[in-house]
Every structure is written in C-alpha cells, then in structure tokens.
Amino acid sequence: MSRASRVASGLPPQSLRAFTQLGKDLSIARRRRKLPQRLMAERMLISVQTLQRLEAGDPTVGMAVLASALHVFGMTRRLAELIAPETDLVGIDEDLARLPKTTHAVSREDLDF
C-alpha cells in the first residue's frame, strides 16, 4: 500500500467530507467559467482523469494539482491564506494563555532611551 493510500485511509470522516466538498466547489467554479474538463486540464498541465479525481474529492491528489486549479481560477492567494497565522484562532488562544498573569512596572532607570 502506498503512503498516500495509507494516509487517505486514515483520514477522519470530516476531512473526507471536506475533500468531497472542495471537489464539488472546484467543479462548480469550472462550470461557472464554462470551462470543459479537457480545457481546464490542459491549462493545469494535468490529465482529464486527474482533474476528475480532484473534482471527485480524491484525497490522494497532490497539493500541486490543487494549486494549479486555483491558479487557473485566479485564486492562488486563497491557498496562501489557508492557515495564515492571523486566522489561526486556536494558536492565538494558546499564545494568549501563555501571557503572564501579572506584570510589574518598569522603573525609569531600566528604560533605555
């Protein structure tokens, strides 16, 4: 069994549903632009079968294929913002929890102007 297959078979159901929804959304975006699968695949430099797997929500399709689809749609920035630090609410909460509970005033002598 390949590594990609092992990873895909171990994904939680909510992740599999998210991949399926992503594939459906990509298909809708392509059809809204009136792009046949053949032309979309050509622009992405992939086979029609790979595009069909992506649109079916196959989790073993590589990230480069997704990035290529986003590029064709003019949405590359969305990939870069997917897990941007400023949108990571759990990470922000963890940072806030690590802040000291009390602070002490700094004397004027400790300030370096």
N, C-alpha and C. Protein backbone atom coordinates (compact mmCIF):
# COMPACT_ATOMS: atom_id res chain seq x y z
N MET A 1 0.85 -1.18 0.00
CA MET A 1 0.00 0.00 0.00
C MET A 1 0.89 1.24 0.00
N SER A 2 0.60 2.19 -0.89
CA SER A 2 1.41 3.40 -0.96
C SER A 2 1.17 4.29 0.26
N ARG A 3 2.10 5.18 0.50
CA ARG A 3 1.98 6.09 1.63
C ARG A 3 0.73 6.96 1.50
N ALA A 4 0.45 7.45 0.27
CA ALA A 4 -0.73 8.29 0.06
C ALA A 4 -2.00 7.51 0.38
N SER A 5 -2.05 6.24 0.02
CA SER A 5 -3.23 5.43 0.30
C SER A 5 -3.41 5.23 1.80
N ARG A 6 -2.30 5.00 2.51
CA ARG A 6 -2.38 4.82 3.97
C ARG A 6 -2.87 6.08 4.65
N VAL A 7 -2.36 7.21 4.21
CA VAL A 7 -2.78 8.48 4.80
C VAL A 7 -4.25 8.72 4.52
N ALA A 8 -4.66 8.51 3.28
CA ALA A 8 -6.06 8.75 2.90
C ALA A 8 -7.00 7.83 3.65
N SER A 9 -6.61 6.58 3.86
CA SER A 9 -7.50 5.65 4.55
C SER A 9 -7.62 5.98 6.04
N GLY A 10 -6.68 6.76 6.57
CA GLY A 10 -6.72 7.12 7.98
C GLY A 10 -7.33 8.48 8.26
N LEU A 11 -7.82 9.14 7.23
CA LEU A 11 -8.39 10.47 7.44
C LEU A 11 -9.71 10.39 8.19
N PRO A 12 -9.96 11.36 9.08
CA PRO A 12 -11.25 11.38 9.77
C PRO A 12 -12.38 11.70 8.79
N PRO A 13 -13.59 11.25 9.11
CA PRO A 13 -14.72 11.46 8.20
C PRO A 13 -14.95 12.93 7.84
N GLN A 14 -14.74 13.84 8.79
CA GLN A 14 -14.96 15.26 8.48
C GLN A 14 -13.95 15.77 7.45
N SER A 15 -12.74 15.22 7.45
CA SER A 15 -11.76 15.60 6.44
C SER A 15 -12.15 15.07 5.08
N LEU A 16 -12.64 13.83 5.05
CA LEU A 16 -13.09 13.25 3.78
C LEU A 16 -14.27 14.05 3.22
N ARG A 17 -15.18 14.47 4.09
CA ARG A 17 -16.30 15.29 3.63
C ARG A 17 -15.80 16.64 3.09
N ALA A 18 -14.79 17.20 3.73
CA ALA A 18 -14.23 18.48 3.29
C ALA A 18 -13.60 18.33 1.90
N PHE A 19 -12.90 17.22 1.66
CA PHE A 19 -12.32 16.96 0.34
C PHE A 19 -13.42 16.83 -0.71
N THR A 20 -14.49 16.13 -0.36
CA THR A 20 -15.60 15.96 -1.29
C THR A 20 -16.22 17.31 -1.62
N GLN A 21 -16.42 18.15 -0.60
CA GLN A 21 -16.99 19.48 -0.83
C GLN A 21 -16.05 20.34 -1.66
N LEU A 22 -14.75 20.26 -1.38
CA LEU A 22 -13.77 21.02 -2.16
C LEU A 22 -13.85 20.62 -3.62
N GLY A 23 -13.94 19.32 -3.89
CA GLY A 23 -14.05 18.84 -5.27
C GLY A 23 -15.30 19.37 -5.95
N LYS A 24 -16.42 19.34 -5.23
CA LYS A 24 -17.68 19.86 -5.79
C LYS A 24 -17.55 21.36 -6.08
N ASP A 25 -16.94 22.08 -5.15
CA ASP A 25 -16.79 23.53 -5.33
C ASP A 25 -15.88 23.84 -6.53
N LEU A 26 -14.83 23.06 -6.71
CA LEU A 26 -13.95 23.25 -7.86
C LEU A 26 -14.71 22.99 -9.16
N SER A 27 -15.53 21.95 -9.15
CA SER A 27 -16.33 21.64 -10.34
C SER A 27 -17.30 22.77 -10.66
N ILE A 28 -17.94 23.31 -9.64
CA ILE A 28 -18.86 24.43 -9.85
C ILE A 28 -18.12 25.65 -10.41
N ALA A 29 -16.95 25.95 -9.83
CA ALA A 29 -16.16 27.09 -10.30
C ALA A 29 -15.77 26.91 -11.77
N ARG A 30 -15.40 25.70 -12.12
CA ARG A 30 -15.02 25.42 -13.52
C ARG A 30 -16.22 25.59 -14.44
N ARG A 31 -17.36 25.03 -14.05
CA ARG A 31 -18.55 25.10 -14.90
C ARG A 31 -19.09 26.53 -14.99
N ARG A 32 -18.98 27.32 -13.92
CA ARG A 32 -19.40 28.73 -13.97
C ARG A 32 -18.60 29.48 -15.02
N ARG A 33 -17.35 29.09 -15.17
CA ARG A 33 -16.48 29.74 -16.15
C ARG A 33 -16.63 29.13 -17.54
N LYS A 34 -17.54 28.16 -17.65
CA LYS A 34 -17.82 27.47 -18.91
C LYS A 34 -16.55 26.82 -19.49
N LEU A 35 -15.75 26.24 -18.58
CA LEU A 35 -14.53 25.54 -18.99
C LEU A 35 -14.79 24.05 -19.04
N PRO A 36 -14.69 23.44 -20.20
CA PRO A 36 -14.80 21.98 -20.24
C PRO A 36 -13.62 21.35 -19.49
N GLN A 37 -13.81 20.14 -18.98
CA GLN A 37 -12.74 19.47 -18.23
C GLN A 37 -11.46 19.37 -19.06
N ARG A 38 -11.61 19.09 -20.35
CA ARG A 38 -10.43 18.94 -21.21
C ARG A 38 -9.60 20.22 -21.23
N LEU A 39 -10.26 21.37 -21.39
CA LEU A 39 -9.55 22.65 -21.43
C LEU A 39 -8.95 23.01 -20.07
N MET A 40 -9.71 22.75 -19.02
CA MET A 40 -9.21 23.01 -17.66
C MET A 40 -7.97 22.17 -17.40
N ALA A 41 -8.03 20.89 -17.74
CA ALA A 41 -6.88 20.01 -17.54
C ALA A 41 -5.67 20.48 -18.34
N GLU A 42 -5.90 20.93 -19.56
CA GLU A 42 -4.79 21.46 -20.39
C GLU A 42 -4.15 22.65 -19.71
N ARG A 43 -4.97 23.56 -19.21
CA ARG A 43 -4.45 24.76 -18.55
C ARG A 43 -3.70 24.41 -17.27
N MET A 44 -4.12 23.33 -16.61
CA MET A 44 -3.47 22.89 -15.37
C MET A 44 -2.25 22.01 -15.64
N LEU A 45 -2.07 21.60 -16.90
CA LEU A 45 -0.97 20.70 -17.31
C LEU A 45 -1.10 19.32 -16.65
N ILE A 46 -2.35 18.83 -16.57
CA ILE A 46 -2.62 17.52 -16.00
C ILE A 46 -3.55 16.76 -16.94
N SER A 47 -3.79 15.51 -16.64
CA SER A 47 -4.73 14.72 -17.44
C SER A 47 -6.16 15.00 -17.01
N VAL A 48 -7.10 14.70 -17.88
CA VAL A 48 -8.52 14.85 -17.55
C VAL A 48 -8.86 13.93 -16.39
N GLN A 49 -8.26 12.74 -16.34
CA GLN A 49 -8.53 11.80 -15.26
C GLN A 49 -8.11 12.37 -13.90
N THR A 50 -6.99 13.07 -13.86
CA THR A 50 -6.54 13.69 -12.60
C THR A 50 -7.50 14.79 -12.18
N LEU A 51 -7.96 15.58 -13.14
CA LEU A 51 -8.94 16.61 -12.83
C LEU A 51 -10.23 15.98 -12.31
N GLN A 52 -10.65 14.89 -12.91
CA GLN A 52 -11.86 14.20 -12.45
C GLN A 52 -11.69 13.70 -11.02
N ARG A 53 -10.50 13.19 -10.69
CA ARG A 53 -10.22 12.74 -9.32
C ARG A 53 -10.27 13.91 -8.35
N LEU A 54 -9.71 15.06 -8.76
CA LEU A 54 -9.72 16.25 -7.92
C LEU A 54 -11.17 16.69 -7.67
N GLU A 55 -11.96 16.74 -8.72
CA GLU A 55 -13.35 17.17 -8.58
C GLU A 55 -14.21 16.15 -7.83
N ALA A 56 -13.74 14.90 -7.78
CA ALA A 56 -14.47 13.87 -7.02
C ALA A 56 -14.08 13.90 -5.54
N GLY A 57 -13.08 14.72 -5.19
CA GLY A 57 -12.67 14.82 -3.80
C GLY A 57 -11.68 13.76 -3.38
N ASP A 58 -10.95 13.19 -4.33
CA ASP A 58 -9.94 12.17 -4.02
C ASP A 58 -8.82 12.80 -3.19
N PRO A 59 -8.65 12.37 -1.94
CA PRO A 59 -7.64 12.99 -1.07
C PRO A 59 -6.20 12.66 -1.45
N THR A 60 -6.00 11.73 -2.39
CA THR A 60 -4.63 11.39 -2.77
C THR A 60 -4.10 12.27 -3.91
N VAL A 61 -4.95 13.15 -4.44
CA VAL A 61 -4.48 14.09 -5.47
C VAL A 61 -3.55 15.08 -4.79
N GLY A 62 -2.42 15.37 -5.40
CA GLY A 62 -1.41 16.22 -4.79
C GLY A 62 -1.80 17.68 -4.66
N MET A 63 -1.14 18.33 -3.72
CA MET A 63 -1.40 19.76 -3.49
C MET A 63 -1.03 20.60 -4.70
N ALA A 64 -0.05 20.16 -5.48
CA ALA A 64 0.34 20.92 -6.67
C ALA A 64 -0.81 20.97 -7.67
N VAL A 65 -1.61 19.91 -7.73
CA VAL A 65 -2.77 19.90 -8.62
C VAL A 65 -3.80 20.91 -8.14
N LEU A 66 -4.06 20.93 -6.85
CA LEU A 66 -4.98 21.92 -6.28
C LEU A 66 -4.46 23.33 -6.53
N ALA A 67 -3.17 23.54 -6.31
CA ALA A 67 -2.57 24.87 -6.53
C ALA A 67 -2.73 25.28 -7.99
N SER A 68 -2.57 24.35 -8.89
CA SER A 68 -2.73 24.64 -10.31
C SER A 68 -4.16 25.03 -10.64
N ALA A 69 -5.14 24.34 -10.06
CA ALA A 69 -6.54 24.68 -10.28
C ALA A 69 -6.83 26.09 -9.76
N LEU A 70 -6.34 26.39 -8.57
CA LEU A 70 -6.55 27.73 -8.01
C LEU A 70 -5.90 28.80 -8.88
N HIS A 71 -4.75 28.49 -9.45
CA HIS A 71 -4.08 29.43 -10.35
C HIS A 71 -4.95 29.71 -11.58
N VAL A 72 -5.51 28.66 -12.16
CA VAL A 72 -6.37 28.83 -13.33
C VAL A 72 -7.57 29.71 -12.99
N PHE A 73 -8.09 29.58 -11.79
CA PHE A 73 -9.24 30.38 -11.36
C PHE A 73 -8.85 31.77 -10.86
N GLY A 74 -7.55 32.05 -10.78
CA GLY A 74 -7.10 33.34 -10.26
C GLY A 74 -7.25 33.44 -8.75
N MET A 75 -7.15 32.29 -8.06
CA MET A 75 -7.36 32.25 -6.61
C MET A 75 -6.15 31.72 -5.84
N THR A 76 -4.97 31.87 -6.40
CA THR A 76 -3.77 31.34 -5.75
C THR A 76 -3.60 31.88 -4.33
N ARG A 77 -3.97 33.13 -4.15
CA ARG A 77 -3.82 33.76 -2.82
C ARG A 77 -4.61 33.02 -1.75
N ARG A 78 -5.73 32.41 -2.13
CA ARG A 78 -6.56 31.68 -1.16
C ARG A 78 -5.78 30.53 -0.54
N LEU A 79 -4.92 29.88 -1.32
CA LEU A 79 -4.11 28.78 -0.80
C LEU A 79 -3.11 29.30 0.22
N ALA A 80 -2.50 30.44 -0.08
CA ALA A 80 -1.52 31.03 0.84
C ALA A 80 -2.16 31.45 2.15
N GLU A 81 -3.45 31.78 2.12
CA GLU A 81 -4.14 32.26 3.32
C GLU A 81 -4.83 31.15 4.10
N LEU A 82 -4.74 29.92 3.62
CA LEU A 82 -5.48 28.82 4.20
C LEU A 82 -5.24 28.67 5.70
N ILE A 83 -4.02 28.74 6.15
CA ILE A 83 -3.71 28.57 7.57
C ILE A 83 -2.81 29.73 8.03
N ALA A 84 -3.13 30.91 7.54
CA ALA A 84 -2.35 32.10 7.90
C ALA A 84 -2.41 32.31 9.42
N PRO A 85 -1.30 32.71 10.04
CA PRO A 85 -1.26 32.87 11.49
C PRO A 85 -2.36 33.77 12.05
N GLU A 86 -2.73 34.81 11.32
CA GLU A 86 -3.74 35.72 11.84
C GLU A 86 -5.15 35.12 11.82
N THR A 87 -5.34 34.00 11.15
CA THR A 87 -6.64 33.33 11.15
C THR A 87 -6.65 32.08 12.01
N ASP A 88 -5.53 31.77 12.65
CA ASP A 88 -5.40 30.57 13.49
C ASP A 88 -5.90 30.88 14.90
N LEU A 89 -7.20 30.78 15.09
CA LEU A 89 -7.80 31.17 16.37
C LEU A 89 -7.32 30.32 17.54
N VAL A 90 -7.11 29.04 17.33
CA VAL A 90 -6.61 28.18 18.41
C VAL A 90 -5.19 28.59 18.78
N GLY A 91 -4.35 28.85 17.78
CA GLY A 91 -2.99 29.30 18.04
C GLY A 91 -2.95 30.62 18.78
N ILE A 92 -3.83 31.53 18.39
CA ILE A 92 -3.92 32.83 19.07
C ILE A 92 -4.34 32.63 20.52
N ASP A 93 -5.33 31.76 20.76
CA ASP A 93 -5.75 31.47 22.14
C ASP A 93 -4.61 30.89 22.96
N GLU A 94 -3.81 30.00 22.34
CA GLU A 94 -2.66 29.41 23.05
C GLU A 94 -1.65 30.49 23.41
N ASP A 95 -1.38 31.39 22.49
CA ASP A 95 -0.45 32.50 22.78
C ASP A 95 -0.96 33.35 23.94
N LEU A 96 -2.24 33.66 23.92
CA LEU A 96 -2.82 34.48 24.99
C LEU A 96 -2.76 33.76 26.33
N ALA A 97 -2.96 32.46 26.34
CA ALA A 97 -2.92 31.69 27.58
C ALA A 97 -1.51 31.68 28.19
N ARG A 98 -0.50 31.83 27.34
CA ARG A 98 0.89 31.82 27.84
C ARG A 98 1.36 33.18 28.34
N LEU A 99 0.57 34.21 28.16
CA LEU A 99 0.97 35.53 28.65
C LEU A 99 1.00 35.51 30.18
N PRO A 100 1.91 36.28 30.76
CA PRO A 100 1.96 36.32 32.23
C PRO A 100 0.67 36.89 32.80
N LYS A 101 0.29 36.36 33.95
CA LYS A 101 -0.96 36.80 34.59
C LYS A 101 -0.80 38.17 35.23
N THR A 102 0.41 38.48 35.69
CA THR A 102 0.67 39.78 36.30
C THR A 102 1.92 40.38 35.66
N THR A 103 2.00 41.68 35.71
CA THR A 103 3.19 42.37 35.20
C THR A 103 3.68 43.34 36.26
N HIS A 104 4.90 43.73 36.14
CA HIS A 104 5.49 44.67 37.08
C HIS A 104 5.93 45.90 36.30
N ALA A 105 5.71 47.04 36.91
CA ALA A 105 6.10 48.29 36.27
C ALA A 105 7.62 48.35 36.14
N VAL A 106 8.07 48.92 35.07
CA VAL A 106 9.50 49.10 34.82
C VAL A 106 9.90 50.45 35.37
N SER A 107 11.01 50.49 36.09
CA SER A 107 11.46 51.79 36.63
C SER A 107 12.07 52.62 35.51
N ARG A 108 12.11 53.90 35.72
CA ARG A 108 12.69 54.81 34.72
C ARG A 108 14.16 54.46 34.46
N GLU A 109 14.83 53.97 35.46
CA GLU A 109 16.25 53.63 35.29
C GLU A 109 16.44 52.46 34.34
N ASP A 110 15.43 51.58 34.24
CA ASP A 110 15.53 50.41 33.36
C ASP A 110 15.21 50.76 31.91
N LEU A 111 14.61 51.90 31.68
CA LEU A 111 14.27 52.29 30.32
C LEU A 111 15.51 52.80 29.61
N ASP A 112 15.72 52.37 28.42
CA ASP A 112 16.90 52.78 27.64
C ASP A 112 16.44 53.64 26.48
N PHE A 113 16.63 54.93 26.59
CA PHE A 113 16.22 55.83 25.51
C PHE A 113 17.40 56.16 24.69
